[in-house]
Protein backbone atom coordinates (compact mmCIF):
# COMPACT_ATOMS: atom_id res chain seq x y z
CA MET A 1 131.92 76.41 110.25
CA ALA A 2 131.81 80.19 110.54
CA GLU A 3 128.30 81.60 110.77
CA LYS A 4 127.11 83.43 107.66
CA ARG A 5 127.02 87.21 108.05
CA PRO A 6 124.27 89.40 106.61
CA LYS A 7 125.47 91.84 103.97
CA ILE A 8 125.91 95.48 104.90
CA CYS A 9 124.90 96.51 101.37
CA GLY A 10 122.80 94.04 99.41
CA TRP A 11 120.21 91.41 100.08
CA GLY A 12 120.89 88.24 102.04
CA TYR A 13 124.21 86.96 103.30
CA GLU A 14 127.80 87.64 102.26
CA GLY A 15 128.71 85.58 99.21
CA GLU A 16 125.16 85.50 97.87
CA GLY A 17 123.72 87.55 95.03
CA LEU A 18 123.61 87.72 91.27
CA THR A 19 126.24 85.91 89.25
CA PRO A 20 128.25 88.07 86.82
CA ASP A 21 126.17 86.67 83.93
CA GLU A 22 122.91 87.46 85.74
CA GLU A 23 124.10 90.97 86.51
CA THR A 24 125.03 91.55 82.87
CA LEU A 25 121.62 90.25 81.79
CA VAL A 26 119.74 92.48 84.27
CA LEU A 27 121.64 95.63 83.30
CA GLY A 28 121.24 94.79 79.62
CA ARG A 29 117.50 94.60 80.04
CA TYR A 30 117.39 97.96 81.80
CA ALA A 31 119.61 99.57 79.15
CA GLU A 32 117.18 98.29 76.51
CA ARG A 33 114.19 99.66 78.44
CA PHE A 34 115.74 103.12 78.68
CA GLY A 35 117.17 103.13 75.15
CA VAL A 36 120.81 103.54 76.21
CA ASP A 37 123.96 101.62 75.35
CA GLY A 38 124.96 101.09 78.97
CA PHE A 39 125.42 102.74 82.34
CA GLU A 40 128.14 104.62 84.14
CA ARG A 41 128.82 102.45 87.16
CA ILE A 42 130.34 103.20 90.53
CA ASP A 43 131.62 100.74 93.12
CA GLN A 44 130.61 100.30 96.72
CA PRO A 45 133.08 101.98 99.06
CA ALA A 46 135.55 99.70 100.78
CA LEU A 47 134.01 99.12 104.18
CA ASP A 48 137.36 99.35 105.95
CA ALA A 49 137.77 102.85 104.49
CA ILE A 50 134.52 104.17 106.00
CA ALA A 51 135.00 106.45 108.99
CA LEU A 52 132.37 105.77 111.63
CA PRO A 53 131.50 108.41 114.21
CA THR A 54 133.16 107.82 117.57
CA PRO A 55 130.73 106.19 120.03
CA ARG A 56 129.18 108.85 122.26
CA VAL A 57 128.53 106.51 125.18
CA GLU A 58 130.55 103.73 126.75
CA VAL A 59 129.28 100.19 127.09
CA PRO A 60 128.21 99.84 130.73
CA ALA A 61 129.94 97.14 132.74
CA ARG A 62 126.76 95.15 133.27
CA LEU A 63 126.19 94.90 129.48
CA GLN A 64 129.78 94.18 128.44
CA ALA A 65 129.02 90.52 127.68
CA ILE A 66 126.32 91.28 125.10
CA CYS A 67 127.38 94.63 123.57
CA SER A 68 129.71 95.39 120.68
CA THR A 69 131.24 98.52 119.17
CA ASP A 70 132.84 96.54 116.31
CA ALA A 71 132.75 98.40 112.98
CA TYR A 72 130.94 95.62 111.09
CA ASP A 73 128.31 95.29 113.82
CA ARG A 74 127.65 99.02 113.86
CA MET A 75 127.55 99.36 110.06
CA SER A 76 125.31 96.32 109.59
CA HIS A 77 122.80 97.79 112.06
CA THR A 78 122.70 101.29 110.55
CA TYR A 79 120.42 100.74 107.58
CA GLY A 80 117.72 98.44 106.23
CA LYS A 81 117.20 97.54 102.57
CA SER A 82 115.45 100.57 101.07
CA PHE A 83 116.57 102.49 98.00
CA PRO A 84 117.77 105.51 100.02
CA ASP A 85 119.58 103.16 102.41
CA TYR A 86 121.60 101.72 99.51
CA VAL A 87 122.33 105.18 98.10
CA ARG A 88 123.76 106.39 101.41
CA ILE A 89 125.84 103.24 101.79
CA TYR A 90 127.32 103.86 98.32
CA ASP A 91 128.02 107.43 99.46
CA GLY A 92 129.86 106.04 102.51
CA ASN A 93 127.46 107.91 104.81
CA PHE A 94 127.16 106.16 108.18
CA ASP A 95 126.57 109.29 110.24
CA ASN A 96 123.64 107.61 112.05
CA ALA A 97 125.48 104.40 112.94
CA PRO A 98 124.46 103.14 116.40
CA ASP A 99 126.98 103.80 119.12
CA MET A 100 126.80 100.13 120.06
CA VAL A 101 124.92 96.94 119.24
CA ALA A 102 123.42 94.78 121.98
CA PHE A 103 122.94 91.10 121.08
CA ALA A 104 120.19 89.84 123.37
CA THR A 105 119.93 86.10 123.99
CA SER A 106 117.28 86.23 126.70
CA GLU A 107 114.42 88.36 127.91
CA ASN A 108 116.59 89.37 130.85
CA ASP A 109 119.05 90.86 128.37
CA VAL A 110 116.25 92.90 126.79
CA THR A 111 115.13 94.19 130.18
CA ALA A 112 118.69 95.06 131.19
CA VAL A 113 119.23 97.09 128.00
CA LEU A 114 115.95 98.98 128.40
CA ASP A 115 116.65 99.70 132.09
CA TRP A 116 120.13 101.08 131.36
CA ALA A 117 119.02 103.06 128.31
CA THR A 118 116.14 104.68 130.16
CA GLY A 119 118.47 105.97 132.88
CA ALA A 120 121.22 106.96 130.44
CA ASN A 121 118.92 108.71 127.92
CA VAL A 122 120.03 106.36 125.14
CA ALA A 123 117.64 105.57 122.27
CA VAL A 124 117.01 101.85 121.66
CA ILE A 125 116.29 100.60 118.11
CA PRO A 126 114.87 97.03 118.14
CA PHE A 127 116.44 95.05 115.27
CA GLY A 128 115.17 91.76 113.85
CA GLY A 129 115.86 90.68 110.28
CA GLY A 130 117.14 94.11 109.22
CA SER A 131 115.02 94.07 106.05
CA SER A 132 113.03 97.29 106.60
CA VAL A 133 112.41 99.28 103.41
CA VAL A 134 110.85 102.29 105.19
CA GLY A 135 113.59 103.53 107.51
CA GLY A 136 112.27 101.47 110.41
CA ILE A 137 115.62 100.49 111.94
CA GLU A 138 117.91 103.44 111.22
CA PRO A 139 119.12 105.16 114.42
CA ALA A 140 118.05 108.58 113.08
CA VAL A 141 116.70 109.90 116.37
CA GLY A 142 117.65 113.57 116.45
CA GLY A 143 120.01 115.28 118.87
CA SER A 144 118.19 114.97 122.17
CA PHE A 145 119.65 111.58 123.14
CA ALA A 146 123.06 110.82 124.64
CA GLY A 147 123.51 107.97 122.16
CA THR A 148 121.88 105.03 120.40
CA VAL A 149 121.95 101.27 120.79
CA SER A 150 120.67 98.81 118.23
CA LEU A 151 119.04 95.91 120.11
CA ASP A 152 119.56 92.79 117.99
CA LEU A 153 116.97 90.12 118.85
CA CYS A 154 118.24 87.29 116.63
CA GLY A 155 119.69 85.44 119.64
CA LEU A 156 116.12 84.87 120.86
CA ASP A 157 115.74 82.14 118.26
CA GLN A 158 114.06 79.15 119.89
CA VAL A 159 110.92 77.16 119.14
CA VAL A 160 109.77 76.96 122.77
CA GLU A 161 106.70 74.76 122.40
CA ILE A 162 104.55 73.13 119.71
CA ASP A 163 100.87 72.34 120.25
CA ARG A 164 100.12 69.84 117.47
CA THR A 165 96.52 69.39 118.56
CA SER A 166 95.65 73.08 118.26
CA ARG A 167 98.12 73.64 115.41
CA ALA A 168 100.07 76.41 117.13
CA ALA A 169 103.62 77.09 118.28
CA ARG A 170 105.24 79.27 120.91
CA LEU A 171 108.18 80.99 119.24
CA GLN A 172 110.82 83.46 120.36
CA GLY A 173 110.82 86.83 118.64
CA GLY A 174 114.25 86.58 117.02
CA LEU A 175 113.61 83.25 115.28
CA ARG A 176 114.16 83.58 111.53
CA CYS A 177 111.53 82.18 109.17
CA PRO A 178 113.68 79.47 107.51
CA ALA A 179 114.64 78.06 110.94
CA MET A 180 111.01 78.19 112.06
CA GLU A 181 109.79 76.27 109.02
CA ALA A 182 112.59 73.71 109.39
CA ALA A 183 111.55 73.09 113.01
CA LEU A 184 107.87 72.73 112.07
CA LYS A 185 108.42 70.37 109.14
CA PRO A 186 108.91 67.17 111.21
CA HIS A 187 105.49 67.85 112.74
CA ALA A 188 103.92 68.18 109.26
CA LEU A 189 103.11 71.80 110.11
CA THR A 190 103.82 75.12 108.45
CA MET A 191 102.93 78.72 109.11
CA ARG A 192 102.40 79.24 105.38
CA HIS A 193 103.34 82.91 105.67
CA PHE A 194 106.06 83.81 103.21
CA PRO A 195 106.93 87.52 102.89
CA GLN A 196 109.49 88.36 100.22
CA SER A 197 111.88 88.97 103.13
CA PHE A 198 111.37 85.34 104.28
CA GLN A 199 115.10 84.50 104.22
CA MET A 200 115.93 87.20 106.77
CA ALA A 201 112.60 87.91 108.52
CA THR A 202 112.06 87.14 112.22
CA VAL A 203 108.88 86.28 114.11
CA GLY A 204 108.96 89.46 116.19
CA GLY A 205 109.86 91.62 113.22
CA MET A 206 106.93 90.32 111.18
CA ILE A 207 104.50 90.99 114.02
CA ALA A 208 105.93 94.44 114.75
CA THR A 209 105.62 95.49 111.09
CA ARG A 210 102.34 93.73 110.21
CA SER A 211 103.97 91.76 107.42
CA GLY A 212 102.07 90.42 104.44
CA GLY A 213 102.75 86.90 103.21
CA HIS A 214 103.10 85.63 99.67
CA PHE A 215 99.69 83.93 99.72
CA ALA A 216 97.26 86.49 98.44
CA THR A 217 93.83 85.71 99.89
CA LEU A 218 92.27 84.58 103.18
CA TYR A 219 95.34 84.48 105.51
CA THR A 220 97.33 87.41 104.12
CA HIS A 221 98.75 89.35 107.09
CA ILE A 222 100.65 88.18 110.14
CA ASP A 223 97.63 89.48 112.11
CA ASP A 224 95.73 86.36 111.03
CA PHE A 225 98.30 84.07 112.64
CA VAL A 226 98.90 85.75 116.01
CA GLU A 227 97.30 83.85 118.91
CA SER A 228 99.05 85.76 121.70
CA VAL A 229 102.04 88.06 122.19
CA ARG A 230 104.59 88.74 124.93
CA MET A 231 106.14 92.23 124.74
CA VAL A 232 108.72 93.79 127.06
CA THR A 233 108.37 97.54 127.62
CA PRO A 234 110.53 99.90 129.72
CA VAL A 235 107.90 99.78 132.49
CA GLY A 236 107.00 96.08 132.46
CA VAL A 237 105.81 93.10 130.43
CA ILE A 238 102.56 92.79 128.50
CA GLU A 239 101.47 89.23 127.72
CA SER A 240 98.08 88.43 126.23
CA ARG A 241 96.10 85.33 127.07
CA ARG A 242 96.37 82.54 124.49
CA LEU A 243 92.91 82.09 122.97
CA PRO A 244 91.37 81.22 119.59
CA GLY A 245 89.26 84.37 119.83
CA SER A 246 87.86 86.79 122.37
CA GLY A 247 85.33 89.58 122.64
CA ALA A 248 86.80 90.98 125.85
CA GLY A 249 87.38 94.59 124.89
CA PRO A 250 90.09 95.93 122.55
CA SER A 251 92.66 93.20 121.90
CA PRO A 252 96.06 93.68 123.57
CA ASP A 253 97.56 91.74 120.66
CA ARG A 254 96.48 94.48 118.28
CA MET A 255 98.52 97.02 120.21
CA ALA A 256 101.66 94.93 119.71
CA ILE A 257 100.94 94.04 116.08
CA GLY A 258 102.27 96.92 114.00
CA SER A 259 103.95 98.66 116.95
CA GLU A 260 107.28 98.80 115.04
CA GLY A 261 109.45 98.73 118.16
CA ALA A 262 108.06 102.04 119.39
CA LEU A 263 105.96 100.61 122.24
CA GLY A 264 107.94 97.53 123.30
CA VAL A 265 110.09 94.59 122.24
CA ILE A 266 108.28 91.41 121.16
CA THR A 267 110.12 88.51 122.77
CA GLU A 268 107.63 85.66 122.26
CA ALA A 269 104.43 84.84 120.42
CA TRP A 270 102.06 81.95 119.94
CA LEU A 271 101.32 81.65 116.22
CA ARG A 272 98.62 79.66 114.46
CA LEU A 273 99.87 77.03 112.04
CA GLN A 274 98.52 74.95 109.17
CA ASP A 275 98.98 71.40 107.99
CA ARG A 276 101.48 71.15 105.16
CA PRO A 277 99.65 71.12 101.81
CA LEU A 278 99.46 67.86 99.88
CA TYR A 279 97.41 68.95 96.88
CA ARG A 280 98.24 71.86 94.58
CA ALA A 281 97.18 73.37 91.28
CA SER A 282 98.50 76.54 89.66
CA THR A 283 98.44 78.27 86.31
CA ALA A 284 98.62 81.67 84.60
CA VAL A 285 95.62 83.20 82.82
CA GLN A 286 96.00 85.90 80.16
CA PHE A 287 93.46 88.70 79.67
CA PRO A 288 93.26 91.11 76.71
CA ASP A 289 92.54 94.05 79.03
CA LEU A 290 93.77 95.03 82.50
CA TYR A 291 90.30 95.79 83.80
CA GLN A 292 88.93 92.43 82.67
CA ALA A 293 91.70 90.85 84.74
CA VAL A 294 90.78 93.09 87.67
CA GLU A 295 87.16 92.01 87.38
CA ALA A 296 88.23 88.36 87.34
CA VAL A 297 90.22 88.84 90.55
CA ARG A 298 87.25 90.56 92.19
CA GLN A 299 84.91 87.73 91.28
CA LEU A 300 87.41 85.10 92.41
CA CYS A 301 87.78 86.83 95.78
CA GLN A 302 84.03 87.09 96.26
CA SER A 303 83.35 83.52 95.14
CA GLY A 304 84.30 81.83 98.42
CA LEU A 305 86.90 79.72 96.61
CA TYR A 306 89.78 81.36 98.53
CA PRO A 307 92.65 80.60 96.15
CA ALA A 308 96.05 80.40 97.81
CA ASN A 309 97.18 82.90 95.21
CA VAL A 310 95.46 85.22 92.80
CA ARG A 311 98.19 87.61 91.69
CA LEU A 312 97.46 90.11 88.95
CA LEU A 313 100.26 91.53 86.77
CA ASP A 314 99.50 94.39 84.40
CA GLU A 315 100.76 94.11 80.81
CA SER A 316 104.10 95.83 81.49
CA GLU A 317 104.74 94.06 84.79
CA ALA A 318 104.18 90.68 83.15
CA PHE A 319 106.40 91.51 80.17
CA LEU A 320 109.28 92.98 82.18
CA ASN A 321 109.41 89.85 84.35
CA GLY A 322 109.21 87.34 81.51
CA ALA A 323 105.65 86.28 82.38
CA GLY A 324 103.82 87.82 79.42
CA ASP A 325 104.02 89.33 75.95
CA GLY A 326 103.36 92.96 76.88
CA ARG A 327 99.88 92.89 75.34
CA HIS A 328 98.04 90.90 78.00
CA ALA A 329 97.49 91.24 81.71
CA VAL A 330 98.20 88.03 83.60
CA VAL A 331 96.52 86.49 86.64
CA VAL A 332 98.49 83.80 88.47
CA LEU A 333 95.89 81.52 90.03
CA ALA A 334 96.73 78.80 92.56
CA PHE A 335 94.93 76.50 94.97
CA GLU A 336 96.29 74.18 97.65
CA SER A 337 94.99 71.97 100.44
CA ALA A 338 96.24 69.54 103.04
CA ASP A 339 92.89 67.75 103.02
CA HIS A 340 91.49 67.26 99.53
CA PRO A 341 92.28 67.53 95.82
CA VAL A 342 91.71 71.05 94.51
CA ASP A 343 90.75 70.25 90.91
CA ALA A 344 87.13 71.32 91.39
CA TRP A 345 88.18 74.65 92.88
CA MET A 346 90.59 75.29 90.02
CA ALA A 347 87.94 74.32 87.46
CA ARG A 348 85.48 76.82 88.93
CA GLY A 349 88.15 79.54 89.14
CA LEU A 350 89.06 79.03 85.49
CA ALA A 351 85.38 79.16 84.51
CA ILE A 352 85.18 82.62 86.10
CA CYS A 353 88.26 83.65 84.10
CA ARG A 354 86.87 82.25 80.83
CA ASP A 355 83.69 84.28 81.23
CA LEU A 356 85.91 87.39 81.19
CA GLU A 357 87.91 86.31 78.10
CA GLY A 358 90.75 84.77 80.06
CA THR A 359 92.83 82.17 78.23
CA TYR A 360 95.25 79.60 79.64
CA ASP A 361 97.11 76.37 78.97
CA ASP A 362 94.72 73.62 79.99
CA ASP A 363 97.49 71.06 80.58
CA ALA A 364 99.46 73.46 82.77
CA ALA A 365 96.35 74.12 84.85
CA LYS A 366 96.23 70.41 85.74
CA ASP A 367 99.95 70.18 86.60
CA PRO A 368 100.52 70.10 90.40
CA GLU A 369 103.95 71.67 89.76
CA GLY A 370 102.53 74.35 87.48
CA HIS A 371 103.75 77.07 89.82
CA THR A 372 107.32 76.33 88.67
CA ALA A 373 106.61 76.34 84.91
CA GLY A 374 105.46 78.74 82.21
CA ALA A 375 104.38 82.29 83.00
CA ALA A 376 103.63 81.40 86.63
CA GLY A 377 107.10 79.97 87.04
CA ALA A 378 108.74 82.96 85.33
CA TRP A 379 107.00 85.34 87.70
CA ARG A 380 107.89 83.20 90.72
CA ASN A 381 111.58 83.14 89.76
CA ALA A 382 111.63 86.90 89.12
CA PHE A 383 109.94 87.52 92.48
CA ILE A 384 112.59 85.51 94.33
CA LYS A 385 115.47 87.25 92.51
CA MET A 386 114.12 90.81 92.75
CA PRO A 387 115.81 91.81 96.05
CA HIS A 388 119.21 90.94 94.55
CA PHE A 389 118.80 93.38 91.62
CA ARG A 390 119.10 96.55 93.66
CA ASP A 391 122.86 96.51 94.24
CA ALA A 392 123.63 96.36 90.51
CA LEU A 393 120.99 99.00 89.74
CA ILE A 394 122.19 101.49 92.38
CA SER A 395 125.73 101.21 91.07
CA SER A 396 124.34 102.10 87.61
CA ALA A 397 122.24 105.08 88.81
CA VAL A 398 119.01 103.28 88.00
CA ILE A 399 116.16 104.31 90.28
CA SER A 400 114.08 101.18 90.84
CA ASP A 401 111.71 101.05 93.77
CA THR A 402 108.22 100.03 94.81
CA PHE A 403 105.30 101.22 96.90
CA GLU A 404 102.09 99.45 97.81
CA THR A 405 98.65 100.42 98.98
CA ALA A 406 95.07 99.14 99.21
CA ILE A 407 91.77 100.42 97.85
CA THR A 408 88.18 99.14 97.54
CA TRP A 409 87.03 97.63 94.26
CA ASP A 410 84.62 100.45 93.40
CA ARG A 411 87.42 103.03 93.52
CA PHE A 412 90.23 101.06 91.93
CA ARG A 413 90.08 102.25 88.33
CA ALA A 414 90.13 105.99 89.09
CA PHE A 415 92.68 105.42 91.87
CA HIS A 416 95.02 103.44 89.63
CA GLU A 417 94.92 105.91 86.76
CA THR A 418 95.57 108.85 89.09
CA VAL A 419 98.46 107.23 90.99
CA LYS A 420 100.15 105.87 87.86
CA ALA A 421 99.92 109.23 86.06
CA ALA A 422 101.22 111.12 89.10
CA THR A 423 104.18 108.76 89.45
CA GLU A 424 105.06 108.97 85.75
CA ALA A 425 104.93 112.77 85.89
CA ALA A 426 107.07 112.80 89.04
CA ILE A 427 109.73 110.62 87.39
CA GLU A 428 110.00 112.94 84.39
CA GLU A 429 110.09 116.03 86.60
CA ALA A 430 112.75 114.58 88.93
CA THR A 431 115.02 112.99 86.33
CA GLY A 432 114.28 114.68 83.00
CA HIS A 433 113.54 111.27 81.48
CA LYS A 434 110.42 109.21 80.97
CA GLY A 435 110.24 106.25 83.33
CA ILE A 436 108.36 103.01 83.68
CA VAL A 437 105.52 102.46 86.16
CA THR A 438 103.96 99.02 86.45
CA CYS A 439 101.35 97.51 88.75
CA ARG A 440 100.55 94.14 90.23
CA PHE A 441 98.23 92.94 92.98
CA THR A 442 100.06 91.35 95.88
CA HIS A 443 96.89 90.61 97.86
CA ALA A 444 93.17 90.69 97.20
CA TYR A 445 90.12 90.66 99.42
CA PRO A 446 86.36 90.39 98.89
CA ASP A 447 86.11 94.17 99.28
CA GLY A 448 89.26 95.37 97.54
CA CYS A 449 92.81 94.84 96.37
CA ALA A 450 96.39 95.75 97.28
CA PRO A 451 98.00 97.37 94.21
CA TYR A 452 101.80 97.25 94.29
CA TYR A 453 103.57 99.72 92.02
CA THR A 454 107.10 99.48 90.65
CA PHE A 455 108.76 102.58 89.23
CA GLN A 456 111.99 102.64 87.27
CA ALA A 457 113.96 105.57 85.89
CA ARG A 458 117.37 106.73 84.75
CA GLY A 459 118.85 108.64 87.64
CA ARG A 460 122.10 110.51 88.12
CA HIS A 461 124.94 109.71 90.50
CA GLY A 462 125.18 112.44 93.10
CA ALA A 463 121.46 113.22 92.88
CA LEU A 464 119.83 109.81 93.38
CA LEU A 465 118.56 110.49 96.88
CA GLU A 466 116.93 113.80 95.94
CA GLN A 467 115.41 112.31 92.77
CA TRP A 468 113.98 109.37 94.68
CA GLN A 469 112.58 111.64 97.39
CA GLU A 470 110.69 113.76 94.87
CA ILE A 471 109.18 110.71 93.16
CA LYS A 472 108.29 109.16 96.51
CA ARG A 473 106.70 112.40 97.72
CA GLN A 474 104.47 112.90 94.71
CA ALA A 475 103.45 109.24 94.49
CA SER A 476 102.62 109.14 98.22
CA ASP A 477 100.62 112.35 97.97
CA ALA A 478 98.59 110.81 95.14
CA VAL A 479 97.94 107.64 97.15
CA ILE A 480 96.68 109.51 100.22
CA ASP A 481 94.75 112.15 98.27
CA SER A 482 92.99 109.39 96.32
CA GLY A 483 91.87 107.53 99.44
CA GLY A 484 94.39 104.68 99.65
CA THR A 485 96.60 103.60 102.54
CA ILE A 486 100.21 104.75 102.67
CA THR A 487 101.31 101.14 103.27
CA HIS A 488 99.65 97.75 102.96
CA HIS A 489 102.44 95.57 104.36
CA HIS A 490 105.73 97.51 104.41
CA ALA A 491 105.07 99.33 107.71
CA VAL A 492 105.41 103.03 108.50
CA GLY A 493 109.00 103.50 109.65
CA ARG A 494 110.41 107.00 109.30
CA ASP A 495 109.85 107.26 105.55
CA HIS A 496 106.04 107.06 105.72
CA MET A 497 105.46 109.18 108.82
CA PRO A 498 104.27 112.36 107.00
CA TRP A 499 101.54 110.41 105.20
CA TYR A 500 100.72 108.15 108.15
CA ARG A 501 99.87 111.29 110.13
CA ARG A 502 97.49 112.32 107.35
CA GLN A 503 95.91 108.86 107.15
CA ARG A 504 95.21 108.22 110.83
CA PRO A 505 92.45 110.10 112.69
CA GLU A 506 93.90 112.99 114.67
CA LEU A 507 92.35 111.86 117.96
CA PHE A 508 93.75 108.36 117.45
CA GLY A 509 97.22 109.87 117.03
CA GLU A 510 96.81 111.65 120.35
CA ALA A 511 95.69 108.41 122.00
CA LEU A 512 98.73 106.63 120.56
CA ASP A 513 100.95 109.36 121.99
CA ALA A 514 99.40 108.70 125.40
CA VAL A 515 100.05 104.95 125.11
CA LYS A 516 103.66 105.67 124.20
CA GLN A 517 104.02 107.94 127.23
CA ARG A 518 102.66 105.23 129.55
CA LEU A 519 104.76 102.34 128.20
CA ASP A 520 107.93 104.27 127.39
CA PRO A 521 107.99 107.39 129.61
CA ALA A 522 111.53 108.35 128.59
CA GLY A 523 110.70 107.96 124.89
CA ILE A 524 113.76 105.79 124.20
CA LEU A 525 112.12 103.15 121.96
CA ASN A 526 112.65 103.75 118.22
CA PRO A 527 112.09 107.53 118.37
CA GLY A 528 110.50 108.97 115.23
CA VAL A 529 108.56 105.82 114.36
CA LEU A 530 104.74 105.84 114.78
CA VAL A 531 104.82 108.70 117.31
């Protein structure tokens, strides 16, 4: 059978996506939200009609076996999955297409590409799952390089070793999450880290971008799972010692985690695993007021119960995703364990919610499959489908995007009101129409939460990129000015660099520049990202 190919425009693989009926339903809902009869739609350009720039460099003889200048390969490695990426694809703009794509299948291949690129002044863009939503993989490197090569790591896809006793596995950096979980299942193990990009995400990509998983408390970031890392740089290999913990100075792992391909290429990692859960309980709790729901989440996170999930949806977020009536905020609460029934934990969690006027279906709360039914199930289904909406929305000039941040509990209310108001004002200023801004919590901690905002607006074909940029700019300014982080789990990429510079201490930025200079003296690795 032919191997499935990732889409150039759209989420997932070719042949996947919304059915015609689902697309009609989605666009009908958006038309209703904006009070219009329908949308003027445009089609994606025919890919065989797109003129790619002529490669500026030739594939060297020693890399002929692993390099390609095929049009599909170059186009599929030009963009990630962000709103502006889709807009430029619809415009047929592939000006930044890589000159070639290198498909590494071994660490020797990675080293060979870095060696050649350093001498040839060619920028190297490490490429994993291709799901960046912040411009992290686009070869937009300026004019000082002779060319660009996208270094595809998906051929480094092996489970090298499993340590069942310590519950850990040694995995290659290009291994995709579904293949990893399939390999772990016979050992009754799981990583239990499910980013929304799970279908496409790779081990190395998750580490390089500090991904956040679907489970909202305790083990939230990939940081919590990394036991050791092996990273190839243009001047040598960095490999940390495999340990459960260490107090021996700054951790070398932390330099690799979040490095976004700017400091090296992650080829292997030991990751901590968990036993597969046997006991589950999940339900949705309604609250008459957003801030009562927020208080419930805070108390749950500080209770020591550590729910697997405690997702908050504001009134509009719940309604727009079929998980609420538009008058109540919703908290999706879930517990799971591989060791013991979780009924007592759920009972205590629901008691906390009841004290804050939370209401719920008592029978659903006792159903081990409750996460697939009712409001919790509606939200889960919408969450899984969300990445497939964008193609239909772009073609209809609907601006629909997200941004996420984190803030401490004591500052949340003022922060939320400021950011939401700024985003709503930006939408009206950029488009001339009122938009929709909703909020949910993707993750929560004892000391704060990770608000995740969705904004939706009627845009205009021919101006979508500029409209999005203005909304993004004003929303990001509000986040940074109000004390939040520019990104909680979507990485920095090129899109967030102006605000990342404002967030990080100036002296730390200078130290990071020095690290870059030592590990990548020619500056070929993902130029424009992080440094």
